Protein backbone atom coordinates (compact mmCIF):
# COMPACT_ATOMS: atom_id res chain seq x y z
CA MET A 1 -4.22 -8.50 -4.14
CA ARG A 2 -7.85 -7.66 -4.68
CA THR A 3 -10.57 -10.32 -4.61
CA SER A 4 -13.57 -8.06 -5.17
CA LYS A 5 -15.78 -7.57 -8.18
CA GLY A 6 -15.94 -4.12 -9.69
CA THR A 7 -16.83 -1.87 -12.56
CA PHE A 8 -16.18 1.64 -13.82
CA LEU A 9 -19.06 4.10 -14.18
CA GLY A 10 -19.10 7.33 -16.15
CA GLY A 11 -20.56 10.42 -14.54
CA ASP A 12 -23.46 10.43 -17.00
CA SER A 13 -24.51 6.88 -16.07
CA SER A 14 -26.56 8.07 -13.11
CA PRO A 15 -28.31 11.32 -12.15
CA ALA A 16 -26.67 11.06 -8.71
CA LEU A 17 -23.17 10.84 -10.20
CA THR A 18 -23.90 13.71 -12.57
CA TRP A 19 -25.03 15.82 -9.60
CA LEU A 20 -21.98 14.80 -7.52
CA GLU A 21 -19.54 15.53 -10.35
CA SER A 22 -21.17 18.92 -10.89
CA LYS A 23 -20.67 19.77 -7.20
CA ILE A 24 -17.04 18.62 -7.29
CA ALA A 25 -16.43 20.66 -10.47
CA ALA A 26 -17.92 23.77 -8.85
CA VAL A 27 -15.77 23.47 -5.73
CA THR A 28 -12.51 22.62 -7.53
CA ASP A 29 -13.08 24.81 -10.61
CA ILE A 30 -12.15 21.81 -12.77
CA PRO A 31 -14.60 20.80 -15.54
CA ARG A 32 -16.50 17.53 -15.15
CA GLN A 33 -15.02 16.38 -18.47
CA ASN A 34 -11.56 16.34 -16.87
CA GLY A 35 -12.61 13.77 -14.28
CA GLU A 36 -12.04 10.03 -14.35
CA PHE A 37 -14.55 7.20 -14.30
CA TRP A 38 -15.83 6.07 -10.90
CA ASN A 39 -14.34 2.76 -9.76
CA VAL A 40 -17.06 0.93 -7.84
CA LEU A 41 -16.07 -2.21 -5.92
CA ASN A 42 -18.11 -4.88 -4.18
CA TYR A 43 -16.51 -7.03 -1.48
CA LYS A 44 -18.21 -10.17 -0.21
CA HIS A 45 -17.65 -11.18 3.42
CA THR A 46 -14.61 -13.37 2.60
CA GLN A 47 -13.07 -11.03 0.00
CA HIS A 48 -10.35 -8.51 0.80
CA TYR A 49 -7.83 -6.01 -0.47
CA ASP A 50 -4.19 -6.37 0.56
CA SER A 51 -2.23 -3.13 0.52
CA HIS A 52 0.77 -3.15 -1.80
CA MET A 53 3.25 -0.81 -3.41
CA ASP A 54 3.38 -0.43 -7.19
CA SER A 55 7.08 0.10 -7.68
CA PHE A 56 10.18 -1.00 -9.51
CA ASP A 57 13.90 -1.21 -8.82
CA PRO A 58 15.37 2.23 -9.68
CA LYS A 59 18.67 0.52 -10.55
CA GLY A 60 16.93 -1.93 -12.88
CA GLU A 61 15.99 -1.53 -16.54
CA ARG A 62 12.97 0.71 -15.93
CA GLY A 63 15.01 3.03 -13.71
CA ALA A 64 17.73 3.31 -16.34
CA LEU A 65 15.16 4.10 -19.00
CA ARG A 66 13.58 6.85 -16.89
CA LYS A 67 16.95 8.55 -16.43
CA GLN A 68 17.39 8.70 -20.21
CA GLN A 69 14.04 10.40 -20.79
């Protein structure tokens, strides 16, 4: 569970992010346009993030549906 506040920023929202995305694109040879938005989080002293696993039961309905695809 996450108790932080956050937002998503596009690479064009800041000259620093534009510069950083350009550097990443040059090193990876992947265009900036293929990147995702930046997820920026702010945690206050009492806020936290508990690790968790996003999963489902492979024998349940979702698992059965995946096998049919």
